[in-house]
Amino acid sequence: MDIAALSIMKNQVQLKQNVGLAVMKKAMSNAENNSTIVNQMLDKVAEGKVQTKANLPHMGSNVDVQV
């Protein structure tokens, strides 16, 4: 192989690695954001700010079925 072909291959491999790292960083950022949101929701439930079915006994007792 000549030097030009080796240089092109090296640059392509480096680009693939950089893209892979960028995608991984984005996925990790999304996972961190999702876990933060879930933790906030769990904190609200623990504080009692979210109404549960126990607080709403009339919800879900009637089902409308039409055939």
PDB file of N, CA and C in Angstrom:
ATOM      1  N   MET A   1       0.839  -1.183   0.000  1.00  0.00           N
ATOM      2  CA  MET A   1       0.000   0.000   0.000  1.00  0.00           C
ATOM      3  C   MET A   1       0.883   1.244   0.000  1.00  0.00           C
ATOM      4  N   ASP A   2       0.332   2.248  -0.543  1.00  0.00           N
ATOM      5  CA  ASP A   2       1.081   3.491  -0.539  1.00  0.00           C
ATOM      6  C   ASP A   2       0.690   4.359   0.668  1.00  0.00           C
ATOM      7  N   ILE A   3       1.419   5.404   0.883  1.00  0.00           N
ATOM      8  CA  ILE A   3       1.237   6.261   2.058  1.00  0.00           C
ATOM      9  C   ILE A   3      -0.117   6.967   2.006  1.00  0.00           C
ATOM     10  N   ALA A   4      -0.568   7.351   0.842  1.00  0.00           N
ATOM     11  CA  ALA A   4      -1.855   8.046   0.720  1.00  0.00           C
ATOM     12  C   ALA A   4      -3.001   7.138   1.155  1.00  0.00           C
ATOM     13  N   ALA A   5      -2.972   5.879   0.758  1.00  0.00           N
ATOM     14  CA  ALA A   5      -4.031   4.938   1.134  1.00  0.00           C
ATOM     15  C   ALA A   5      -4.006   4.685   2.639  1.00  0.00           C
ATOM     16  N   LEU A   6      -2.827   4.569   3.222  1.00  0.00           N
ATOM     17  CA  LEU A   6      -2.718   4.370   4.663  1.00  0.00           C
ATOM     18  C   LEU A   6      -3.253   5.583   5.425  1.00  0.00           C
ATOM     19  N   SER A   7      -2.972   6.752   4.917  1.00  0.00           N
ATOM     20  CA  SER A   7      -3.454   7.977   5.553  1.00  0.00           C
ATOM     21  C   SER A   7      -4.972   8.051   5.519  1.00  0.00           C
ATOM     22  N   ILE A   8      -5.556   7.680   4.395  1.00  0.00           N
ATOM     23  CA  ILE A   8      -7.020   7.693   4.260  1.00  0.00           C
ATOM     24  C   ILE A   8      -7.638   6.679   5.214  1.00  0.00           C
ATOM     25  N   MET A   9      -7.057   5.472   5.282  1.00  0.00           N
ATOM     26  CA  MET A   9      -7.586   4.451   6.193  1.00  0.00           C
ATOM     27  C   MET A   9      -7.489   4.913   7.643  1.00  0.00           C
ATOM     28  N   LYS A  10      -6.372   5.524   8.005  1.00  0.00           N
ATOM     29  CA  LYS A  10      -6.192   6.019   9.373  1.00  0.00           C
ATOM     30  C   LYS A  10      -7.249   7.065   9.705  1.00  0.00           C
ATOM     31  N   ASN A  11      -7.494   7.977   8.788  1.00  0.00           N
ATOM     32  CA  ASN A  11      -8.493   9.018   9.021  1.00  0.00           C
ATOM     33  C   ASN A  11      -9.904   8.444   9.121  1.00  0.00           C
ATOM     34  N   GLN A  12     -10.218   7.431   8.316  1.00  0.00           N
ATOM     35  CA  GLN A  12     -11.537   6.801   8.376  1.00  0.00           C
ATOM     36  C   GLN A  12     -11.744   6.088   9.703  1.00  0.00           C
ATOM     37  N   VAL A  13     -10.729   5.393  10.180  1.00  0.00           N
ATOM     38  CA  VAL A  13     -10.824   4.699  11.466  1.00  0.00           C
ATOM     39  C   VAL A  13     -10.998   5.705  12.592  1.00  0.00           C
ATOM     40  N   GLN A  14     -10.240   6.794  12.528  1.00  0.00           N
ATOM     41  CA  GLN A  14     -10.340   7.825  13.554  1.00  0.00           C
ATOM     42  C   GLN A  14     -11.726   8.472  13.536  1.00  0.00           C
ATOM     43  N   LEU A  15     -12.273   8.707  12.361  1.00  0.00           N
ATOM     44  CA  LEU A  15     -13.611   9.283  12.253  1.00  0.00           C
ATOM     45  C   LEU A  15     -14.653   8.342  12.851  1.00  0.00           C
ATOM     46  N   LYS A  16     -14.556   7.035  12.556  1.00  0.00           N
ATOM     47  CA  LYS A  16     -15.496   6.062  13.125  1.00  0.00           C
ATOM     48  C   LYS A  16     -15.419   6.051  14.649  1.00  0.00           C
ATOM     49  N   GLN A  17     -14.213   6.138  15.185  1.00  0.00           N
ATOM     50  CA  GLN A  17     -14.053   6.163  16.635  1.00  0.00           C
ATOM     51  C   GLN A  17     -14.673   7.429  17.231  1.00  0.00           C
ATOM     52  N   ASN A  18     -14.442   8.558  16.586  1.00  0.00           N
ATOM     53  CA  ASN A  18     -14.995   9.820  17.082  1.00  0.00           C
ATOM     54  C   ASN A  18     -16.515   9.821  17.042  1.00  0.00           C
ATOM     55  N   VAL A  19     -17.085   9.287  15.984  1.00  0.00           N
ATOM     56  CA  VAL A  19     -18.545   9.214  15.877  1.00  0.00           C
ATOM     57  C   VAL A  19     -19.095   8.272  16.938  1.00  0.00           C
ATOM     58  N   GLY A  20     -18.436   7.143  17.142  1.00  0.00           N
ATOM     59  CA  GLY A  20     -18.871   6.198  18.164  1.00  0.00           C
ATOM     60  C   GLY A  20     -18.847   6.823  19.550  1.00  0.00           C
ATOM     61  N   LEU A  21     -17.807   7.573  19.860  1.00  0.00           N
ATOM     62  CA  LEU A  21     -17.726   8.250  21.157  1.00  0.00           C
ATOM     63  C   LEU A  21     -18.814   9.311  21.301  1.00  0.00           C
ATOM     64  N   ALA A  22     -19.083  10.050  20.232  1.00  0.00           N
ATOM     65  CA  ALA A  22     -20.117  11.083  20.295  1.00  0.00           C
ATOM     66  C   ALA A  22     -21.492  10.466  20.537  1.00  0.00           C
ATOM     67  N   VAL A  23     -21.773   9.353  19.881  1.00  0.00           N
ATOM     68  CA  VAL A  23     -23.058   8.678  20.078  1.00  0.00           C
ATOM     69  C   VAL A  23     -23.161   8.140  21.505  1.00  0.00           C
ATOM     70  N   MET A  24     -22.080   7.579  22.021  1.00  0.00           N
ATOM     71  CA  MET A  24     -22.078   7.058  23.386  1.00  0.00           C
ATOM     72  C   MET A  24     -22.293   8.173  24.400  1.00  0.00           C
ATOM     73  N   LYS A  25     -21.646   9.315  24.196  1.00  0.00           N
ATOM     74  CA  LYS A  25     -21.825  10.457  25.104  1.00  0.00           C
ATOM     75  C   LYS A  25     -23.271  10.930  25.089  1.00  0.00           C
ATOM     76  N   LYS A  26     -23.880  10.965  23.911  1.00  0.00           N
ATOM     77  CA  LYS A  26     -25.280  11.392  23.799  1.00  0.00           C
ATOM     78  C   LYS A  26     -26.194  10.397  24.513  1.00  0.00           C
ATOM     79  N   ALA A  27     -25.953   9.117  24.340  1.00  0.00           N
ATOM     80  CA  ALA A  27     -26.767   8.091  25.002  1.00  0.00           C
ATOM     81  C   ALA A  27     -26.617   8.188  26.514  1.00  0.00           C
ATOM     82  N   MET A  28     -25.409   8.418  26.985  1.00  0.00           N
ATOM     83  CA  MET A  28     -25.194   8.542  28.430  1.00  0.00           C
ATOM     84  C   MET A  28     -25.877   9.793  28.978  1.00  0.00           C
ATOM     85  N   SER A  29     -25.849  10.867  28.216  1.00  0.00           N
ATOM     86  CA  SER A  29     -26.516  12.098  28.636  1.00  0.00           C
ATOM     87  C   SER A  29     -28.024  11.891  28.721  1.00  0.00           C
ATOM     88  N   ASN A  30     -28.586  11.219  27.724  1.00  0.00           N
ATOM     89  CA  ASN A  30     -30.018  10.932  27.734  1.00  0.00           C
ATOM     90  C   ASN A  30     -30.393  10.042  28.913  1.00  0.00           C
ATOM     91  N   ALA A  31     -29.579   9.043  29.192  1.00  0.00           N
ATOM     92  CA  ALA A  31     -29.856   8.149  30.320  1.00  0.00           C
ATOM     93  C   ALA A  31     -29.797   8.912  31.637  1.00  0.00           C
ATOM     94  N   GLU A  32     -28.840   9.815  31.757  1.00  0.00           N
ATOM     95  CA  GLU A  32     -28.725  10.606  32.982  1.00  0.00           C
ATOM     96  C   GLU A  32     -29.940  11.518  33.150  1.00  0.00           C
ATOM     97  N   ASN A  33     -30.380  12.142  32.060  1.00  0.00           N
ATOM     98  CA  ASN A  33     -31.571  13.000  32.124  1.00  0.00           C
ATOM     99  C   ASN A  33     -32.807  12.193  32.504  1.00  0.00           C
ATOM    100  N   ASN A  34     -32.948  11.010  31.917  1.00  0.00           N
ATOM    101  CA  ASN A  34     -34.108  10.167  32.230  1.00  0.00           C
ATOM    102  C   ASN A  34     -34.095   9.732  33.691  1.00  0.00           C
ATOM    103  N   SER A  35     -32.921   9.400  34.200  1.00  0.00           N
ATOM    104  CA  SER A  35     -32.856   8.974  35.597  1.00  0.00           C
ATOM    105  C   SER A  35     -33.164  10.140  36.527  1.00  0.00           C
ATOM    106  N   THR A  36     -32.776  11.340  36.153  1.00  0.00           N
ATOM    107  CA  THR A  36     -33.093  12.517  36.957  1.00  0.00           C
ATOM    108  C   THR A  36     -34.597  12.736  37.008  1.00  0.00           C
ATOM    109  N   ILE A  37     -35.250  12.578  35.871  1.00  0.00           N
ATOM    110  CA  ILE A  37     -36.703  12.764  35.806  1.00  0.00           C
ATOM    111  C   ILE A  37     -37.409  11.697  36.653  1.00  0.00           C
ATOM    112  N   VAL A  38     -36.956  10.464  36.555  1.00  0.00           N
ATOM    113  CA  VAL A  38     -37.569   9.386  37.338  1.00  0.00           C
ATOM    114  C   VAL A  38     -37.376   9.647  38.828  1.00  0.00           C
ATOM    115  N   ASN A  39     -36.194  10.088  39.227  1.00  0.00           N
ATOM    116  CA  ASN A  39     -35.950  10.391  40.630  1.00  0.00           C
ATOM    117  C   ASN A  39     -36.858  11.519  41.117  1.00  0.00           C
ATOM    118  N   GLN A  40     -37.066  12.536  40.285  1.00  0.00           N
ATOM    119  CA  GLN A  40     -37.968  13.630  40.665  1.00  0.00           C
ATOM    120  C   GLN A  40     -39.391  13.126  40.829  1.00  0.00           C
ATOM    121  N   MET A  41     -39.823  12.236  39.931  1.00  0.00           N
ATOM    122  CA  MET A  41     -41.176  11.687  40.044  1.00  0.00           C
ATOM    123  C   MET A  41     -41.312  10.862  41.312  1.00  0.00           C
ATOM    124  N   LEU A  42     -40.309  10.061  41.634  1.00  0.00           N
ATOM    125  CA  LEU A  42     -40.354   9.251  42.845  1.00  0.00           C
ATOM    126  C   LEU A  42     -40.352  10.126  44.094  1.00  0.00           C
ATOM    127  N   ASP A  43     -39.614  11.224  44.062  1.00  0.00           N
ATOM    128  CA  ASP A  43     -39.617  12.147  45.206  1.00  0.00           C
ATOM    129  C   ASP A  43     -40.999  12.753  45.413  1.00  0.00           C
ATOM    130  N   LYS A  44     -41.671  13.114  44.313  1.00  0.00           N
ATOM    131  CA  LYS A  44     -43.021  13.683  44.421  1.00  0.00           C
ATOM    132  C   LYS A  44     -43.998  12.664  44.995  1.00  0.00           C
ATOM    133  N   VAL A  45     -43.858  11.406  44.578  1.00  0.00           N
ATOM    134  CA  VAL A  45     -44.728  10.360  45.109  1.00  0.00           C
ATOM    135  C   VAL A  45     -44.466  10.182  46.602  1.00  0.00           C
ATOM    136  N   ALA A  46     -43.200  10.198  46.989  1.00  0.00           N
ATOM    137  CA  ALA A  46     -42.852  10.026  48.397  1.00  0.00           C
ATOM    138  C   ALA A  46     -43.368  11.192  49.242  1.00  0.00           C
ATOM    139  N   GLU A  47     -43.409  12.392  48.665  1.00  0.00           N
ATOM    140  CA  GLU A  47     -43.905  13.564  49.387  1.00  0.00           C
ATOM    141  C   GLU A  47     -45.426  13.604  49.422  1.00  0.00           C
ATOM    142  N   GLY A  48     -46.072  12.790  48.629  1.00  0.00           N
ATOM    143  CA  GLY A  48     -47.529  12.746  48.612  1.00  0.00           C
ATOM    144  C   GLY A  48     -48.153  13.789  47.715  1.00  0.00           C
ATOM    145  N   LYS A  49     -47.385  14.355  46.792  1.00  0.00           N
ATOM    146  CA  LYS A  49     -47.914  15.374  45.890  1.00  0.00           C
ATOM    147  C   LYS A  49     -48.662  14.773  44.703  1.00  0.00           C
ATOM    148  N   VAL A  50     -48.520  13.475  44.500  1.00  0.00           N
ATOM    149  CA  VAL A  50     -49.176  12.803  43.382  1.00  0.00           C
ATOM    150  C   VAL A  50     -50.341  11.994  43.922  1.00  0.00           C
ATOM    151  N   GLN A  51     -51.509  12.173  43.309  1.00  0.00           N
ATOM    152  CA  GLN A  51     -52.668  11.412  43.756  1.00  0.00           C
ATOM    153  C   GLN A  51     -52.575   9.991  43.212  1.00  0.00           C
ATOM    154  N   THR A  52     -52.806   9.052  44.079  1.00  0.00           N
ATOM    155  CA  THR A  52     -52.785   7.653  43.671  1.00  0.00           C
ATOM    156  C   THR A  52     -54.212   7.123  43.643  1.00  0.00           C
ATOM    157  N   LYS A  53     -54.389   5.891  43.215  1.00  0.00           N
ATOM    158  CA  LYS A  53     -55.714   5.298  43.148  1.00  0.00           C
ATOM    159  C   LYS A  53     -56.345   5.221  44.532  1.00  0.00           C
ATOM    160  N   ALA A  54     -55.541   5.060  45.575  1.00  0.00           N
ATOM    161  CA  ALA A  54     -56.080   4.997  46.930  1.00  0.00           C
ATOM    162  C   ALA A  54     -56.762   6.319  47.291  1.00  0.00           C
ATOM    163  N   ASN A  55     -56.277   7.423  46.742  1.00  0.00           N
ATOM    164  CA  ASN A  55     -56.879   8.727  47.002  1.00  0.00           C
ATOM    165  C   ASN A  55     -58.083   8.991  46.104  1.00  0.00           C
ATOM    166  N   LEU A  56     -58.245   8.205  45.042  1.00  0.00           N
ATOM    167  CA  LEU A  56     -59.335   8.379  44.082  1.00  0.00           C
ATOM    168  C   LEU A  56     -60.085   7.056  43.931  1.00  0.00           C
ATOM    169  N   PRO A  57     -60.885   6.656  44.913  1.00  0.00           N
ATOM    170  CA  PRO A  57     -61.522   5.335  44.847  1.00  0.00           C
ATOM    171  C   PRO A  57     -62.566   5.213  43.734  1.00  0.00           C
ATOM    172  N   HIS A  58     -63.126   6.323  43.258  1.00  0.00           N
ATOM    173  CA  HIS A  58     -64.147   6.254  42.214  1.00  0.00           C
ATOM    174  C   HIS A  58     -63.549   6.036  40.823  1.00  0.00           C
ATOM    175  N   MET A  59     -62.249   6.234  40.673  1.00  0.00           N
ATOM    176  CA  MET A  59     -61.611   6.083  39.364  1.00  0.00           C
ATOM    177  C   MET A  59     -61.442   4.603  39.036  1.00  0.00           C
ATOM    178  N   GLY A  60     -61.811   4.217  37.835  1.00  0.00           N
ATOM    179  CA  GLY A  60     -61.606   2.859  37.373  1.00  0.00           C
ATOM    180  C   GLY A  60     -62.655   1.866  37.808  1.00  0.00           C
ATOM    181  N   SER A  61     -63.698   2.324  38.463  1.00  0.00           N
ATOM    182  CA  SER A  61     -64.694   1.383  38.921  1.00  0.00           C
ATOM    183  C   SER A  61     -65.729   1.088  37.827  1.00  0.00           C
ATOM    184  N   ASN A  62     -65.835   1.938  36.824  1.00  0.00           N
ATOM    185  CA  ASN A  62     -66.786   1.726  35.716  1.00  0.00           C
ATOM    186  C   ASN A  62     -66.014   1.586  34.419  1.00  0.00           C
ATOM    187  N   VAL A  63     -66.451   0.614  33.602  1.00  0.00           N
ATOM    188  CA  VAL A  63     -65.827   0.397  32.316  1.00  0.00           C
ATOM    189  C   VAL A  63     -66.916   0.424  31.253  1.00  0.00           C
ATOM    190  N   ASP A  64     -66.765   1.268  30.240  1.00  0.00           N
ATOM    191  CA  ASP A  64     -67.728   1.324  29.155  1.00  0.00           C
ATOM    192  C   ASP A  64     -67.286   0.361  28.065  1.00  0.00           C
ATOM    193  N   VAL A  65     -68.149  -0.603  27.718  1.00  0.00           N
ATOM    194  CA  VAL A  65     -67.828  -1.579  26.690  1.00  0.00           C
ATOM    195  C   VAL A  65     -68.900  -1.511  25.633  1.00  0.00           C
ATOM    196  N   GLN A  66     -68.484  -1.400  24.371  1.00  0.00           N
ATOM    197  CA  GLN A  66     -69.435  -1.347  23.269  1.00  0.00           C
ATOM    198  C   GLN A  66     -68.963  -2.286  22.178  1.00  0.00           C
ATOM    199  N   VAL A  67     -69.877  -3.157  21.706  1.00  0.00           N
ATOM    200  CA  VAL A  67     -69.522  -4.121  20.685  1.00  0.00           C
ATOM    201  C   VAL A  67     -70.227  -3.783  19.407  1.00  0.00           C
TER     202      VAL A  67
END
